[in-house]
């Protein structure tokens, strides 16, 4: 198993946000983590990535990573795309991509040509400062910068939020391509249609816990879970 999380707890001050989360992601899988806002999905991503202190077990490729720094976790092969688009606005698009490489100037499975083929807008603006890109283009840049680090697992938090429908489709295409190249994905996503289409398995969170685990077909058939934990 690529990623195994067992009985994971996390806190913001005295607030107990994650209350015993269990989840796993295998090699090449797309696994979606669903739920309403505020149930702990982003907190789970941050805790796995070492941005919050974990209480419980987090293992990557059989090795415990609980307590490691985010940079150490990244060097082991986990990429993280946060929900807030964190680009370096004064650097060019290409320079932002270069910063994602594990070793300067060394391309891995993902090369500049791959990124630019998938997102022609980034190719056309590769010499422009990232700060002048649209919000959607900055989201694409953040995702592609993470891929330039050649991760074995990518944690992606709300990649389609606020994007135009055309860009949402491009994100779906990119996620499919990532999985085809053998990189596993843990995806936090609000749009149920995308999650059902591309995921192999799904988890639904509620009140800091996993309340459902199963296939897209099983969730599509379970109106009770969708009504109680997903529908607004």
C-alpha atoms as a PDB file:
ATOM      1  CA  UNK A   1       0.000   0.000   0.000  1.00  0.00           C
ATOM      2  CA  UNK A   2       1.371   3.429  -0.957  1.00  0.00           C
ATOM      3  CA  UNK A   3      -0.258   5.434   1.847  1.00  0.00           C
ATOM      4  CA  UNK A   4      -1.830   4.035   5.005  1.00  0.00           C
ATOM      5  CA  UNK A   5      -3.469   6.261   7.615  1.00  0.00           C
ATOM      6  CA  UNK A   6      -4.799   4.674  10.791  1.00  0.00           C
ATOM      7  CA  UNK A   7      -6.646   6.242  13.720  1.00  0.00           C
ATOM      8  CA  UNK A   8      -5.450   9.724  12.773  1.00  0.00           C
ATOM      9  CA  UNK A   9      -6.332  12.604  15.093  1.00  0.00           C
ATOM     10  CA  UNK A  10      -5.499  16.289  14.701  1.00  0.00           C
ATOM     11  CA  UNK A  11      -6.227  19.448  16.634  1.00  0.00           C
ATOM     12  CA  UNK A  12      -6.402  23.200  16.115  1.00  0.00           C
ATOM     13  CA  UNK A  13      -5.713  24.399  19.629  1.00  0.00           C
ATOM     14  CA  UNK A  14      -8.290  22.623  21.780  1.00  0.00           C
ATOM     15  CA  UNK A  15     -10.567  21.840  18.816  1.00  0.00           C
ATOM     16  CA  UNK A  16     -10.483  18.121  17.999  1.00  0.00           C
ATOM     17  CA  UNK A  17     -10.822  18.165  14.178  1.00  0.00           C
ATOM     18  CA  UNK A  18      -9.794  14.665  13.021  1.00  0.00           C
ATOM     19  CA  UNK A  19     -11.285  11.989  15.244  1.00  0.00           C
ATOM     20  CA  UNK A  20      -9.786   8.681  14.203  1.00  0.00           C
ATOM     21  CA  UNK A  21      -9.492   8.805  10.404  1.00  0.00           C
ATOM     22  CA  UNK A  22      -8.588   5.603   8.528  1.00  0.00           C
ATOM     23  CA  UNK A  23      -7.797   5.704   4.810  1.00  0.00           C
ATOM     24  CA  UNK A  24      -5.409   4.230   2.269  1.00  0.00           C
ATOM     25  CA  UNK A  25      -4.191   4.841  -1.275  1.00  0.00           C
ATOM     26  CA  UNK A  26      -2.502   2.198  -3.431  1.00  0.00           C
ATOM     27  CA  UNK A  27      -0.068   2.736  -6.299  1.00  0.00           C
ATOM     28  CA  UNK A  28      -1.690   4.359  -9.326  1.00  0.00           C
ATOM     29  CA  UNK A  29      -5.046   4.790  -7.579  1.00  0.00           C
ATOM     30  CA  UNK A  30      -7.185   7.905  -7.629  1.00  0.00           C
ATOM     31  CA  UNK A  31      -8.928   8.022  -4.254  1.00  0.00           C
ATOM     32  CA  UNK A  32     -11.312  10.884  -3.484  1.00  0.00           C
ATOM     33  CA  UNK A  33     -12.052  12.318  -0.062  1.00  0.00           C
ATOM     34  CA  UNK A  34     -15.512  13.868  -0.090  1.00  0.00           C
ATOM     35  CA  UNK A  35     -17.658  15.755   2.392  1.00  0.00           C
ATOM     36  CA  UNK A  36     -19.139  19.127   3.175  1.00  0.00           C
ATOM     37  CA  UNK A  37     -16.978  22.116   4.032  1.00  0.00           C
ATOM     38  CA  UNK A  38     -15.629  22.066   7.563  1.00  0.00           C
ATOM     39  CA  UNK A  39     -15.641  18.301   8.147  1.00  0.00           C
ATOM     40  CA  UNK A  40     -11.858  17.966   8.194  1.00  0.00           C
ATOM     41  CA  UNK A  41     -10.838  17.024   4.653  1.00  0.00           C
ATOM     42  CA  UNK A  42      -8.215  19.764   4.251  1.00  0.00           C
ATOM     43  CA  UNK A  43      -7.032  19.143   7.801  1.00  0.00           C
ATOM     44  CA  UNK A  44      -6.447  15.503   6.874  1.00  0.00           C
ATOM     45  CA  UNK A  45      -4.290  16.570   3.919  1.00  0.00           C
ATOM     46  CA  UNK A  46      -2.256  18.999   6.032  1.00  0.00           C
ATOM     47  CA  UNK A  47      -1.764  16.442   8.791  1.00  0.00           C
ATOM     48  CA  UNK A  48      -0.574  13.730   6.385  1.00  0.00           C
ATOM     49  CA  UNK A  49       1.819  16.276   4.874  1.00  0.00           C
ATOM     50  CA  UNK A  50       3.252  17.227   8.263  1.00  0.00           C
ATOM     51  CA  UNK A  51       1.825  20.750   8.360  1.00  0.00           C
ATOM     52  CA  UNK A  52      -0.093  19.835  11.526  1.00  0.00           C
ATOM     53  CA  UNK A  53       1.172  17.480  14.237  1.00  0.00           C
ATOM     54  CA  UNK A  54      -0.426  14.049  13.756  1.00  0.00           C
ATOM     55  CA  UNK A  55      -1.698  11.780  16.506  1.00  0.00           C
ATOM     56  CA  UNK A  56      -1.948   8.276  15.076  1.00  0.00           C
ATOM     57  CA  UNK A  57      -0.281   6.322  12.296  1.00  0.00           C
ATOM     58  CA  UNK A  58       0.734   7.699   8.881  1.00  0.00           C
ATOM     59  CA  UNK A  59       2.847   5.379   6.719  1.00  0.00           C
ATOM     60  CA  UNK A  60       4.185   5.904   3.197  1.00  0.00           C
ATOM     61  CA  UNK A  61       5.556   2.856   1.361  1.00  0.00           C
ATOM     62  CA  UNK A  62       5.641   1.023   4.664  1.00  0.00           C
ATOM     63  CA  UNK A  63       7.633   3.725   6.471  1.00  0.00           C
ATOM     64  CA  UNK A  64       6.205   5.879   9.256  1.00  0.00           C
ATOM     65  CA  UNK A  65       6.208   9.555   8.303  1.00  0.00           C
ATOM     66  CA  UNK A  66       4.308  10.829  11.337  1.00  0.00           C
ATOM     67  CA  UNK A  67       6.347  13.603  12.903  1.00  0.00           C
ATOM     68  CA  UNK A  68       8.531  14.317   9.854  1.00  0.00           C
ATOM     69  CA  UNK A  69       8.805  17.842   8.481  1.00  0.00           C
ATOM     70  CA  UNK A  70       6.901  18.699   5.266  1.00  0.00           C
ATOM     71  CA  UNK A  71      10.140  18.994   3.279  1.00  0.00           C
ATOM     72  CA  UNK A  72      11.251  15.551   4.447  1.00  0.00           C
ATOM     73  CA  UNK A  73       7.892  14.081   3.457  1.00  0.00           C
ATOM     74  CA  UNK A  74       8.111  15.763   0.055  1.00  0.00           C
ATOM     75  CA  UNK A  75      11.589  14.321  -0.582  1.00  0.00           C
ATOM     76  CA  UNK A  76      10.252  10.837   0.173  1.00  0.00           C
ATOM     77  CA  UNK A  77       7.866  11.208  -2.777  1.00  0.00           C
ATOM     78  CA  UNK A  78       4.638  12.915  -1.686  1.00  0.00           C
ATOM     79  CA  UNK A  79       3.544  16.015  -3.575  1.00  0.00           C
ATOM     80  CA  UNK A  80       1.002  18.451  -2.141  1.00  0.00           C
ATOM     81  CA  UNK A  81      -1.235  20.894  -4.005  1.00  0.00           C
ATOM     82  CA  UNK A  82      -2.947  23.144  -1.421  1.00  0.00           C
ATOM     83  CA  UNK A  83      -6.356  24.687  -1.944  1.00  0.00           C
ATOM     84  CA  UNK A  84      -4.905  28.226  -1.935  1.00  0.00           C
ATOM     85  CA  UNK A  85      -2.907  28.740  -5.112  1.00  0.00           C
ATOM     86  CA  UNK A  86       0.602  29.311  -3.826  1.00  0.00           C
ATOM     87  CA  UNK A  87       2.612  30.530  -6.786  1.00  0.00           C
ATOM     88  CA  UNK A  88       5.670  32.782  -6.651  1.00  0.00           C
ATOM     89  CA  UNK A  89       4.149  35.863  -8.325  1.00  0.00           C
ATOM     90  CA  UNK A  90       7.413  37.615  -9.184  1.00  0.00           C
ATOM     91  CA  UNK A  91       8.931  34.574 -10.892  1.00  0.00           C
ATOM     92  CA  UNK A  92       8.048  33.457 -14.401  1.00  0.00           C
ATOM     93  CA  UNK A  93       5.869  30.451 -15.115  1.00  0.00           C
ATOM     94  CA  UNK A  94       8.907  28.422 -16.150  1.00  0.00           C
ATOM     95  CA  UNK A  95      10.857  29.465 -13.057  1.00  0.00           C
ATOM     96  CA  UNK A  96       7.937  28.352 -10.875  1.00  0.00           C
ATOM     97  CA  UNK A  97       8.025  24.969 -12.586  1.00  0.00           C
ATOM     98  CA  UNK A  98      11.801  24.722 -12.121  1.00  0.00           C
ATOM     99  CA  UNK A  99      11.382  25.248  -8.381  1.00  0.00           C
ATOM    100  CA  UNK A 100       9.295  22.072  -8.249  1.00  0.00           C
ATOM    101  CA  UNK A 101      12.154  19.859  -9.437  1.00  0.00           C
ATOM    102  CA  UNK A 102      13.830  17.613  -6.886  1.00  0.00           C
ATOM    103  CA  UNK A 103      17.186  18.427  -8.450  1.00  0.00           C
ATOM    104  CA  UNK A 104      17.742  21.667 -10.303  1.00  0.00           C
ATOM    105  CA  UNK A 105      17.593  21.215 -14.055  1.00  0.00           C
ATOM    106  CA  UNK A 106      16.771  17.498 -13.890  1.00  0.00           C
ATOM    107  CA  UNK A 107      13.409  16.474 -15.345  1.00  0.00           C
ATOM    108  CA  UNK A 108      11.701  13.321 -14.106  1.00  0.00           C
ATOM    109  CA  UNK A 109       8.608  11.554 -15.422  1.00  0.00           C
ATOM    110  CA  UNK A 110       7.060  14.971 -15.973  1.00  0.00           C
ATOM    111  CA  UNK A 111       8.889  17.298 -18.313  1.00  0.00           C
ATOM    112  CA  UNK A 112       8.266  20.856 -19.449  1.00  0.00           C
ATOM    113  CA  UNK A 113       7.010  19.492 -22.769  1.00  0.00           C
ATOM    114  CA  UNK A 114       4.386  17.355 -20.983  1.00  0.00           C
ATOM    115  CA  UNK A 115       3.089  20.244 -18.926  1.00  0.00           C
ATOM    116  CA  UNK A 116       2.984  22.641 -21.858  1.00  0.00           C
ATOM    117  CA  UNK A 117       1.249  20.072 -24.080  1.00  0.00           C
ATOM    118  CA  UNK A 118      -1.516  19.619 -21.517  1.00  0.00           C
ATOM    119  CA  UNK A 119      -1.855  23.339 -20.779  1.00  0.00           C
ATOM    120  CA  UNK A 120      -1.015  25.462 -23.832  1.00  0.00           C
ATOM    121  CA  UNK A 121      -1.835  28.625 -21.867  1.00  0.00           C
ATOM    122  CA  UNK A 122       1.146  27.944 -19.613  1.00  0.00           C
ATOM    123  CA  UNK A 123       3.352  27.377 -22.655  1.00  0.00           C
ATOM    124  CA  UNK A 124       2.288  30.697 -24.161  1.00  0.00           C
ATOM    125  CA  UNK A 125       3.000  32.491 -20.865  1.00  0.00           C
ATOM    126  CA  UNK A 126       6.068  30.593 -19.713  1.00  0.00           C
ATOM    127  CA  UNK A 127       8.168  33.780 -19.665  1.00  0.00           C
ATOM    128  CA  UNK A 128       5.491  35.877 -17.928  1.00  0.00           C
ATOM    129  CA  UNK A 129       5.393  36.486 -14.167  1.00  0.00           C
ATOM    130  CA  UNK A 130       3.075  34.002 -12.446  1.00  0.00           C
ATOM    131  CA  UNK A 131       1.348  36.877 -10.692  1.00  0.00           C
ATOM    132  CA  UNK A 132      -0.321  38.038 -13.912  1.00  0.00           C
ATOM    133  CA  UNK A 133      -1.980  34.662 -14.578  1.00  0.00           C
ATOM    134  CA  UNK A 134      -5.689  34.158 -14.006  1.00  0.00           C
ATOM    135  CA  UNK A 135      -6.794  32.220 -10.943  1.00  0.00           C
ATOM    136  CA  UNK A 136      -7.406  29.137 -13.062  1.00  0.00           C
ATOM    137  CA  UNK A 137      -3.997  29.369 -14.708  1.00  0.00           C
ATOM    138  CA  UNK A 138      -2.345  29.740 -11.316  1.00  0.00           C
ATOM    139  CA  UNK A 139      -4.133  26.571 -10.182  1.00  0.00           C
ATOM    140  CA  UNK A 140      -2.792  24.729 -13.221  1.00  0.00           C
ATOM    141  CA  UNK A 141       0.695  26.068 -12.516  1.00  0.00           C
ATOM    142  CA  UNK A 142       0.578  24.929  -8.887  1.00  0.00           C
ATOM    143  CA  UNK A 143      -0.449  21.413  -9.892  1.00  0.00           C
ATOM    144  CA  UNK A 144       2.186  21.187 -12.622  1.00  0.00           C
ATOM    145  CA  UNK A 145       4.935  22.542 -10.360  1.00  0.00           C
ATOM    146  CA  UNK A 146       4.174  19.715  -7.923  1.00  0.00           C
ATOM    147  CA  UNK A 147       4.395  17.147 -10.721  1.00  0.00           C
ATOM    148  CA  UNK A 148       7.821  18.438 -11.749  1.00  0.00           C
ATOM    149  CA  UNK A 149       9.069  17.009  -8.442  1.00  0.00           C
ATOM    150  CA  UNK A 150       8.281  13.514  -9.768  1.00  0.00           C
ATOM    151  CA  UNK A 151       6.136  12.398  -6.787  1.00  0.00           C
ATOM    152  CA  UNK A 152       4.814   8.868  -6.303  1.00  0.00           C
ATOM    153  CA  UNK A 153       1.718  10.227  -4.550  1.00  0.00           C
ATOM    154  CA  UNK A 154       0.031  13.599  -4.968  1.00  0.00           C
ATOM    155  CA  UNK A 155      -2.383  15.066  -2.428  1.00  0.00           C
ATOM    156  CA  UNK A 156      -4.585  17.581  -4.242  1.00  0.00           C
ATOM    157  CA  UNK A 157      -6.952  19.807  -2.282  1.00  0.00           C
ATOM    158  CA  UNK A 158      -9.962  21.261  -4.177  1.00  0.00           C
ATOM    159  CA  UNK A 159      -8.322  21.661  -7.608  1.00  0.00           C
ATOM    160  CA  UNK A 160     -11.518  22.704  -9.430  1.00  0.00           C
ATOM    161  CA  UNK A 161     -12.849  25.263  -6.951  1.00  0.00           C
ATOM    162  CA  UNK A 162     -13.694  28.506  -8.710  1.00  0.00           C
ATOM    163  CA  UNK A 163     -12.636  27.271 -12.149  1.00  0.00           C
ATOM    164  CA  UNK A 164     -14.533  27.756 -15.397  1.00  0.00           C
ATOM    165  CA  UNK A 165     -16.105  24.577 -16.841  1.00  0.00           C
ATOM    166  CA  UNK A 166     -13.454  24.299 -19.589  1.00  0.00           C
ATOM    167  CA  UNK A 167     -10.650  24.349 -17.000  1.00  0.00           C
ATOM    168  CA  UNK A 168     -12.515  21.853 -14.832  1.00  0.00           C
ATOM    169  CA  UNK A 169     -12.403  19.434 -17.767  1.00  0.00           C
ATOM    170  CA  UNK A 170      -8.675  20.080 -18.181  1.00  0.00           C
ATOM    171  CA  UNK A 171      -8.129  19.261 -14.515  1.00  0.00           C
ATOM    172  CA  UNK A 172     -10.010  15.988 -14.974  1.00  0.00           C
ATOM    173  CA  UNK A 173      -7.825  15.142 -17.968  1.00  0.00           C
ATOM    174  CA  UNK A 174      -4.668  15.931 -15.998  1.00  0.00           C
ATOM    175  CA  UNK A 175      -5.758  13.740 -13.068  1.00  0.00           C
ATOM    176  CA  UNK A 176      -6.380  10.843 -15.439  1.00  0.00           C
ATOM    177  CA  UNK A 177      -2.948  11.348 -17.013  1.00  0.00           C
ATOM    178  CA  UNK A 178      -1.227  11.469 -13.615  1.00  0.00           C
ATOM    179  CA  UNK A 179      -2.726   8.099 -12.662  1.00  0.00           C
ATOM    180  CA  UNK A 180      -1.835   6.566 -16.041  1.00  0.00           C
ATOM    181  CA  UNK A 181       1.814   7.385 -15.347  1.00  0.00           C
ATOM    182  CA  UNK A 182       1.676   5.413 -12.100  1.00  0.00           C
ATOM    183  CA  UNK A 183       1.347   8.304  -9.658  1.00  0.00           C
ATOM    184  CA  UNK A 184      -1.267   7.803  -6.942  1.00  0.00           C
ATOM    185  CA  UNK A 185      -3.688  10.617  -6.078  1.00  0.00           C
ATOM    186  CA  UNK A 186      -5.538  11.523  -2.905  1.00  0.00           C
ATOM    187  CA  UNK A 187      -8.087  14.050  -4.127  1.00  0.00           C
ATOM    188  CA  UNK A 188     -10.228  16.387  -2.048  1.00  0.00           C
ATOM    189  CA  UNK A 189     -13.048  17.452  -4.328  1.00  0.00           C
ATOM    190  CA  UNK A 190     -16.459  19.116  -4.014  1.00  0.00           C
ATOM    191  CA  UNK A 191     -17.722  18.226  -7.469  1.00  0.00           C
ATOM    192  CA  UNK A 192     -19.244  14.784  -7.053  1.00  0.00           C
ATOM    193  CA  UNK A 193     -19.532  14.200 -10.808  1.00  0.00           C
ATOM    194  CA  UNK A 194     -15.751  14.449 -11.271  1.00  0.00           C
ATOM    195  CA  UNK A 195     -14.997  12.285  -8.243  1.00  0.00           C
ATOM    196  CA  UNK A 196     -17.413   9.581  -9.384  1.00  0.00           C
ATOM    197  CA  UNK A 197     -15.973   9.617 -12.903  1.00  0.00           C
ATOM    198  CA  UNK A 198     -12.248   9.382 -12.182  1.00  0.00           C
ATOM    199  CA  UNK A 199     -11.912   7.698  -8.761  1.00  0.00           C
ATOM    200  CA  UNK A 200     -11.291   4.034  -8.095  1.00  0.00           C
ATOM    201  CA  UNK A 201     -12.443   4.395  -4.489  1.00  0.00           C
ATOM    202  CA  UNK A 202     -14.036   7.139  -2.400  1.00  0.00           C
ATOM    203  CA  UNK A 203     -14.209   8.119   1.233  1.00  0.00           C
ATOM    204  CA  UNK A 204     -16.852  10.401   2.703  1.00  0.00           C
ATOM    205  CA  UNK A 205     -16.034  12.397   5.821  1.00  0.00           C
ATOM    206  CA  UNK A 206     -18.430  13.707   8.437  1.00  0.00           C
ATOM    207  CA  UNK A 207     -17.632  15.300  11.801  1.00  0.00           C
ATOM    208  CA  UNK A 208     -13.951  14.428  11.522  1.00  0.00           C
ATOM    209  CA  UNK A 209     -14.492  10.737  10.771  1.00  0.00           C
ATOM    210  CA  UNK A 210     -14.836   8.491   7.731  1.00  0.00           C
ATOM    211  CA  UNK A 211     -18.538   7.664   7.376  1.00  0.00           C
ATOM    212  CA  UNK A 212     -18.388   5.824   4.036  1.00  0.00           C
ATOM    213  CA  UNK A 213     -15.798   3.919   2.030  1.00  0.00           C
ATOM    214  CA  UNK A 214     -16.511   2.256  -1.301  1.00  0.00           C
ATOM    215  CA  UNK A 215     -16.517   2.399  -5.068  1.00  0.00           C
ATOM    216  CA  UNK A 216     -18.099   5.171  -7.136  1.00  0.00           C
ATOM    217  CA  UNK A 217     -20.887   2.744  -8.069  1.00  0.00           C
ATOM    218  CA  UNK A 218     -21.576   1.989  -4.404  1.00  0.00           C
ATOM    219  CA  UNK A 219     -21.791   5.687  -3.526  1.00  0.00           C
ATOM    220  CA  UNK A 220     -23.971   6.458  -6.540  1.00  0.00           C
ATOM    221  CA  UNK A 221     -26.368   3.754  -5.353  1.00  0.00           C
ATOM    222  CA  UNK A 222     -26.398   4.927  -1.725  1.00  0.00           C
ATOM    223  CA  UNK A 223     -28.871   7.802  -1.614  1.00  0.00           C
ATOM    224  CA  UNK A 224     -28.852   7.829   2.183  1.00  0.00           C
ATOM    225  CA  UNK A 225     -25.131   8.609   2.466  1.00  0.00           C
ATOM    226  CA  UNK A 226     -25.314  11.261  -0.246  1.00  0.00           C
ATOM    227  CA  UNK A 227     -28.293  12.969   1.377  1.00  0.00           C
ATOM    228  CA  UNK A 228     -26.911  12.934   4.922  1.00  0.00           C
ATOM    229  CA  UNK A 229     -23.260  13.760   4.258  1.00  0.00           C
ATOM    230  CA  UNK A 230     -22.905  15.383   0.829  1.00  0.00           C
ATOM    231  CA  UNK A 231     -25.992  17.142  -0.456  1.00  0.00           C
ATOM    232  CA  UNK A 232     -26.629  20.739   0.562  1.00  0.00           C
END
